[in-house]
Protein backbone atom coordinates (compact mmCIF):
# COMPACT_ATOMS: atom_id res chain seq x y z
CA UNK A 1 213.10 49.31 39.44
CA UNK A 2 213.62 45.81 38.66
CA UNK A 3 210.88 44.22 41.40
CA UNK A 4 207.79 42.83 39.10
CA UNK A 5 205.44 43.21 42.17
CA UNK A 6 206.35 46.84 42.60
CA UNK A 7 205.34 50.07 40.59
CA UNK A 8 206.33 53.72 40.66
CA UNK A 9 203.63 55.97 39.68
CA UNK A 10 204.36 59.54 38.91
CA UNK A 11 201.04 62.11 39.39
CA UNK A 12 201.19 64.86 36.79
CA UNK A 13 197.83 66.68 37.42
CA UNK A 14 199.16 69.66 39.08
CA UNK A 15 201.02 70.04 35.99
CA UNK A 16 199.82 68.26 33.38
CA UNK A 17 196.27 68.58 34.94
CA UNK A 18 196.00 72.36 36.18
CA UNK A 19 197.15 73.42 32.96
CA UNK A 20 194.04 72.17 30.94
CA UNK A 21 192.10 74.56 33.35
CA UNK A 22 191.59 78.05 31.62
CA UNK A 23 190.39 79.72 35.01
CA UNK A 24 192.98 80.25 37.52
CA UNK A 25 193.11 78.09 40.54
CA UNK A 26 193.93 79.85 43.56
CA UNK A 27 197.62 79.03 44.59
CA UNK A 28 196.35 78.15 48.41
CA UNK A 29 194.03 75.55 46.70
CA UNK A 30 196.96 74.33 44.35
CA UNK A 31 199.23 73.91 47.33
CA UNK A 32 196.56 72.02 49.67
CA UNK A 33 195.53 69.70 46.33
CA UNK A 34 199.72 68.98 46.37
CA UNK A 35 200.05 68.46 50.00
CA UNK A 36 196.77 65.70 49.81
CA UNK A 37 198.85 64.36 47.03
CA UNK A 38 201.81 63.97 48.97
CA UNK A 39 199.80 62.58 51.93
CA UNK A 40 198.53 59.66 49.78
CA UNK A 41 201.78 58.51 49.34
CA UNK A 42 203.29 59.68 46.42
CA UNK A 43 207.14 60.12 45.83
CA UNK A 44 207.17 61.62 42.14
CA UNK A 45 205.32 64.31 41.12
CA UNK A 46 205.33 66.94 38.31
CA UNK A 47 204.02 69.95 40.76
CA UNK A 48 204.19 72.52 37.65
CA UNK A 49 205.62 74.24 34.88
CA UNK A 50 208.03 77.33 34.53
CA UNK A 51 206.85 78.42 31.37
CA UNK A 52 205.63 81.78 29.57
CA UNK A 53 202.15 82.61 32.09
CA UNK A 54 201.16 83.74 27.80
CA UNK A 55 201.49 80.37 26.77
CA UNK A 56 200.37 78.64 29.92
CA UNK A 57 198.57 81.28 32.22
CA UNK A 58 197.54 78.58 35.18
CA UNK A 59 201.48 78.37 35.78
CA UNK A 60 201.58 82.13 36.09
CA UNK A 61 202.12 81.31 39.90
CA UNK A 62 204.64 78.24 39.74
CA UNK A 63 207.07 80.87 41.78
CA UNK A 64 204.86 80.75 44.95
CA UNK A 65 204.14 76.71 44.70
CA UNK A 66 207.94 76.12 44.02
CA UNK A 67 208.35 77.84 47.26
CA UNK A 68 205.87 76.01 49.65
CA UNK A 69 207.86 72.37 48.15
CA UNK A 70 211.28 73.35 47.84
CA UNK A 71 212.28 71.81 51.17
CA UNK A 72 210.73 68.64 50.71
CA UNK A 73 213.33 66.15 50.92
CA UNK A 74 211.01 62.87 51.06
CA UNK A 75 209.12 63.18 47.26
CA UNK A 76 211.35 63.82 43.76
CA UNK A 77 208.93 67.13 42.60
CA UNK A 78 209.12 67.63 38.79
CA UNK A 79 209.35 70.83 37.25
CA UNK A 80 208.81 70.87 34.10
CA UNK A 81 211.09 73.35 31.58
CA UNK A 82 210.81 74.53 28.13
CA UNK A 83 214.45 75.59 27.82
CA UNK A 84 217.23 76.83 29.50
CA UNK A 85 216.46 79.84 31.01
CA UNK A 86 213.23 77.28 32.74
CA UNK A 87 216.31 75.35 34.23
CA UNK A 88 217.54 78.15 35.39
CA UNK A 89 214.95 79.66 37.12
CA UNK A 90 214.17 76.25 38.35
CA UNK A 91 217.67 75.69 39.49
CA UNK A 92 217.46 78.83 41.51
CA UNK A 93 214.11 78.11 42.99
CA UNK A 94 215.83 75.07 44.43
CA UNK A 95 214.80 71.98 42.26
CA UNK A 96 216.88 70.17 40.90
CA UNK A 97 214.36 67.39 39.28
CA UNK A 98 213.40 69.07 35.70
CA UNK A 99 211.33 67.98 32.84
CA UNK A 100 211.75 68.37 29.05
CA UNK A 101 209.42 68.12 26.36
CA UNK A 102 210.19 67.43 22.77
CA UNK A 103 207.74 66.12 19.95
CA UNK A 104 208.39 63.10 17.64
CA UNK A 105 205.99 64.49 15.26
CA UNK A 106 207.65 66.91 13.79
CA UNK A 107 204.03 69.67 13.30
CA UNK A 108 203.03 68.79 16.95
CA UNK A 109 206.64 69.87 18.14
CA UNK A 110 206.40 73.13 16.13
CA UNK A 111 202.25 73.59 17.38
CA UNK A 112 203.38 72.50 20.89
CA UNK A 113 206.42 74.59 21.85
CA UNK A 114 206.93 76.69 17.82
CA UNK A 115 209.93 75.10 17.41
CA UNK A 116 211.22 72.19 14.79
CA UNK A 117 212.42 69.14 16.65
CA UNK A 118 215.95 70.16 15.82
CA UNK A 119 215.62 73.52 17.84
CA UNK A 120 214.10 71.35 20.65
CA UNK A 121 216.80 69.01 20.47
CA UNK A 122 219.14 72.29 20.72
CA UNK A 123 217.00 73.44 23.58
CA UNK A 124 217.72 70.62 25.14
CA UNK A 125 221.46 70.44 24.63
CA UNK A 126 221.41 74.10 26.39
CA UNK A 127 219.59 72.57 29.13
CA UNK A 128 222.06 69.56 29.80
CA UNK A 129 224.82 72.30 30.04
CA UNK A 130 222.67 74.17 32.39
CA UNK A 131 221.92 71.89 34.76
CA UNK A 132 225.49 70.06 34.47
CA UNK A 133 226.88 72.93 36.21
CA UNK A 134 224.48 72.73 39.39
CA UNK A 135 225.87 69.69 40.33
CA UNK A 136 223.28 66.33 41.31
CA UNK A 137 220.40 66.38 39.41
CA UNK A 138 217.52 64.04 37.53
CA UNK A 139 216.17 64.93 34.07
CA UNK A 140 213.38 62.89 32.55
CA UNK A 141 212.57 63.91 29.10
CA UNK A 142 209.44 63.24 27.83
CA UNK A 143 208.84 61.97 23.88
CA UNK A 144 205.49 63.30 23.36
CA UNK A 145 203.56 61.91 20.19
CA UNK A 146 205.44 58.58 20.69
CA UNK A 147 202.47 57.06 19.32
CA UNK A 148 199.97 59.25 17.36
CA UNK A 149 199.90 62.89 16.31
CA UNK A 150 196.50 64.83 16.18
CA UNK A 151 198.02 66.36 12.65
CA UNK A 152 200.09 63.86 10.98
CA UNK A 153 197.95 60.48 12.05
CA UNK A 154 199.95 57.48 13.42
CA UNK A 155 203.73 57.92 14.34
CA UNK A 156 206.35 55.59 12.94
CA UNK A 157 208.97 53.47 15.03
CA UNK A 158 211.37 54.58 13.04
CA UNK A 159 210.81 58.25 14.01
CA UNK A 160 210.20 56.94 17.65
CA UNK A 161 213.63 55.46 17.61
CA UNK A 162 215.90 58.77 15.48
CA UNK A 163 214.40 61.50 18.19
CA UNK A 164 214.57 59.05 21.12
CA UNK A 165 218.15 58.53 20.22
CA UNK A 166 218.99 62.08 19.53
CA UNK A 167 218.09 62.77 22.63
CA UNK A 168 219.88 60.20 24.27
CA UNK A 169 222.93 61.13 22.76
CA UNK A 170 222.93 64.74 24.67
CA UNK A 171 221.36 63.22 28.13
CA UNK A 172 222.21 60.00 28.12
CA UNK A 173 221.44 59.67 32.03
CA UNK A 174 218.05 61.04 31.94
CA UNK A 175 215.08 58.84 32.42
CA UNK A 176 212.74 58.77 28.58
CA UNK A 177 208.82 58.70 29.19
CA UNK A 178 206.92 57.21 25.76
CA UNK A 179 203.88 59.75 25.95
CA UNK A 180 200.48 58.69 24.64
CA UNK A 181 199.95 62.30 24.00
CA UNK A 182 196.41 62.02 21.98
CA UNK A 183 195.36 58.50 23.94
CA UNK A 184 195.22 56.61 20.45
CA UNK A 185 197.99 53.94 21.42
CA UNK A 186 196.48 50.37 21.94
CA UNK A 187 197.85 48.08 24.57
CA UNK A 188 199.98 45.53 21.61
CA UNK A 189 201.36 48.96 20.31
CA UNK A 190 202.41 49.78 23.89
CA UNK A 191 203.93 46.65 24.79
CA UNK A 192 205.48 46.31 20.99
CA UNK A 193 207.64 49.43 21.01
CA UNK A 194 208.70 49.55 24.52
CA UNK A 195 209.90 45.89 24.06
CA UNK A 196 211.80 47.20 20.85
CA UNK A 197 213.35 50.19 22.45
CA UNK A 198 214.27 48.25 26.28
CA UNK A 199 215.80 45.27 23.77
CA UNK A 200 217.90 48.20 21.63
CA UNK A 201 218.70 50.39 24.57
CA UNK A 202 218.34 47.65 27.94
CA UNK A 203 220.55 50.33 30.43
CA UNK A 204 218.27 53.39 29.51
CA UNK A 205 215.30 53.61 32.60
CA UNK A 206 211.96 54.05 30.72
CA UNK A 207 208.62 55.71 31.84
CA UNK A 208 204.77 55.85 30.33
CA UNK A 209 202.57 58.63 29.93
CA UNK A 210 199.00 58.17 28.60
CA UNK A 211 196.08 59.12 27.96
CA UNK A 212 192.61 57.97 28.16
CA UNK A 213 190.55 58.91 25.35
CA UNK A 214 189.23 55.76 23.75
CA UNK A 215 188.96 54.62 27.62
CA UNK A 216 192.38 52.21 27.06
CA UNK A 217 194.69 53.95 29.75
CA UNK A 218 194.43 51.61 32.12
CA UNK A 219 195.07 48.81 29.39
CA UNK A 220 198.01 50.72 27.93
CA UNK A 221 199.42 51.05 31.51
CA UNK A 222 199.74 47.31 32.42
CA UNK A 223 201.05 46.77 28.47
CA UNK A 224 204.22 48.91 29.13
CA UNK A 225 204.79 47.04 32.62
CA UNK A 226 204.61 43.80 31.06
CA UNK A 227 206.90 45.06 28.77
CA UNK A 228 209.28 46.01 31.55
CA UNK A 229 208.54 49.68 32.43
CA UNK A 230 208.17 50.32 36.32
CA UNK A 231 207.74 54.10 35.89
CA UNK A 232 204.07 55.12 34.59
CA UNK A 233 202.39 58.76 34.69
CA UNK A 234 198.70 59.55 35.83
CA UNK A 235 196.42 62.74 37.15
CA UNK A 236 194.10 62.15 39.42
CA UNK A 237 190.60 62.68 38.99
CA UNK A 238 191.60 61.87 35.45
CA UNK A 239 192.12 65.38 34.98
CA UNK A 240 194.10 66.73 31.99
CA UNK A 241 193.68 67.38 28.49
CA UNK A 242 196.45 68.27 26.33
CA UNK A 243 195.85 71.93 24.61
CA UNK A 244 198.41 71.26 21.79
CA UNK A 245 196.15 67.92 20.56
CA UNK A 246 193.20 68.56 19.62
CA UNK A 247 190.42 65.17 20.72
CA UNK A 248 192.93 64.49 23.02
CA UNK A 249 190.94 64.06 26.78
CA UNK A 250 192.48 63.75 29.92
CA UNK A 251 194.95 61.84 31.53
CA UNK A 252 194.68 58.03 33.01
CA UNK A 253 192.70 58.63 36.37
CA UNK A 254 195.73 57.51 39.05
CA UNK A 255 193.11 56.18 41.07
CA UNK A 256 192.05 53.79 38.38
CA UNK A 257 195.60 53.13 37.92
CA UNK A 258 196.51 52.25 41.83
CA UNK A 259 193.30 49.75 42.23
CA UNK A 260 193.97 48.16 39.53
CA UNK A 261 197.32 47.10 40.08
CA UNK A 262 196.90 46.45 43.92
CA UNK A 263 194.11 44.20 42.86
CA UNK A 264 196.66 41.97 40.67
CA UNK A 265 199.15 42.14 43.67
CA UNK A 266 201.41 45.06 41.91
CA UNK A 267 202.22 47.11 45.31
CA UNK A 268 202.80 51.19 44.74
CA UNK A 269 202.81 52.38 48.30
CA UNK A 270 199.67 54.70 47.70
CA UNK A 271 196.94 55.16 50.57
CA UNK A 272 193.83 54.68 48.26
CA UNK A 273 191.02 56.43 50.30
CA UNK A 274 193.63 59.28 50.52
CA UNK A 275 193.80 59.19 46.96
CA UNK A 276 190.34 59.26 46.59
CA UNK A 277 189.92 61.74 48.97
CA UNK A 278 192.22 63.72 46.85
CA UNK A 279 190.49 62.73 44.09
CA UNK A 280 187.21 64.34 45.42
CA UNK A 281 188.87 67.79 45.71
CA UNK A 282 189.85 68.09 41.85
CA UNK A 283 187.13 67.09 40.41
CA UNK A 284 185.26 70.11 42.36
CA UNK A 285 188.00 72.53 40.35
CA UNK A 286 185.71 74.60 38.10
CA UNK A 287 186.45 73.88 34.53
CA UNK A 288 188.55 71.23 35.12
CA UNK A 289 188.25 67.73 33.00
CA UNK A 290 187.50 64.71 35.26
CA UNK A 291 186.95 61.23 34.05
CA UNK A 292 187.33 58.22 36.83
CA UNK A 293 185.66 54.95 37.35
CA UNK A 294 186.76 54.38 40.39
CA UNK A 295 185.48 56.94 42.18
CA UNK A 296 181.92 56.29 41.23
CA UNK A 297 182.14 53.00 42.67
CA UNK A 298 180.95 53.02 46.63
CA UNK A 299 183.80 53.36 49.32
CA UNK A 300 182.67 50.62 50.91
CA UNK A 301 182.32 48.20 48.04
CA UNK A 302 185.90 49.45 47.33
CA UNK A 303 187.32 48.15 50.36
CA UNK A 304 185.65 44.42 50.17
CA UNK A 305 187.79 43.60 46.65
CA UNK A 306 191.31 45.19 47.76
CA UNK A 307 193.51 42.75 48.96
CA UNK A 308 194.85 43.53 52.61
CA UNK A 309 198.16 45.26 52.53
CA UNK A 310 200.90 43.41 54.78
CA UNK A 311 202.43 45.19 57.76
CA UNK A 312 205.73 45.56 55.28
CA UNK A 313 203.72 47.22 52.73
CA UNK A 314 202.38 49.56 54.93
CA UNK A 315 205.72 50.97 56.15
CA UNK A 316 206.81 51.18 52.71
């Protein structure tokens, strides 16, 4: 996306957010929430992951959720896969948009997926071979701990560059996301890292995935946007919190991002009223860790300060 007045938001609450809740969410409720988010206008969303239920119990019903949305053609619905087996299951379930995660930090990668970074890159190679036989596909690679590791501290740009280049050589057509796994990144660091990598590899497609541990999620997203990133992740109601990153709080609240970008004249095609309704529903999930500024503001006040959308924008 090259239009400086457009941004594409990727909703991650059904995957990154739901997995943070210990108590099983009824499958029907998951499906209803995803439906509500689609009605709000999202055209990209991570709806879950095909992982071992022992590792992430909340995803035990992923097959049922996948069936409910496999025929949707109006949105890029992605599934996170940890290995080639997960990729095979996703493909058999009718999904061609996959997400793979590898940490820049060796320690975090071992804690997160119990593999070395090199072993994860081998898994990525297997996934690329698997999906390459399936025809059309879209692959997203999340570079976790791209700024900071909860165990080792600050991650160097050189380490980030090394893991990125290794992954890029395996999956040259993939989209790459820098992930602020701990929420410790600051706007200057976000803009600096993206600017450096984009300058070195301007043909790559970039995304940003931020958390809001220190209240900088929205600012960091704008920093990524200023560096040229047009794809930004967030979770409605701020649901989330990485179970493998001690001290990290939830994702950046999607409604806060949509409001901020809309106020700045950057269109995302998201219906904020419907998004807030979905946020209210997510916030009622038992055991969910949510955080949102916009949900605390009276709805009539929000409507007063938002710019009017043009007929062209409403049609998009």
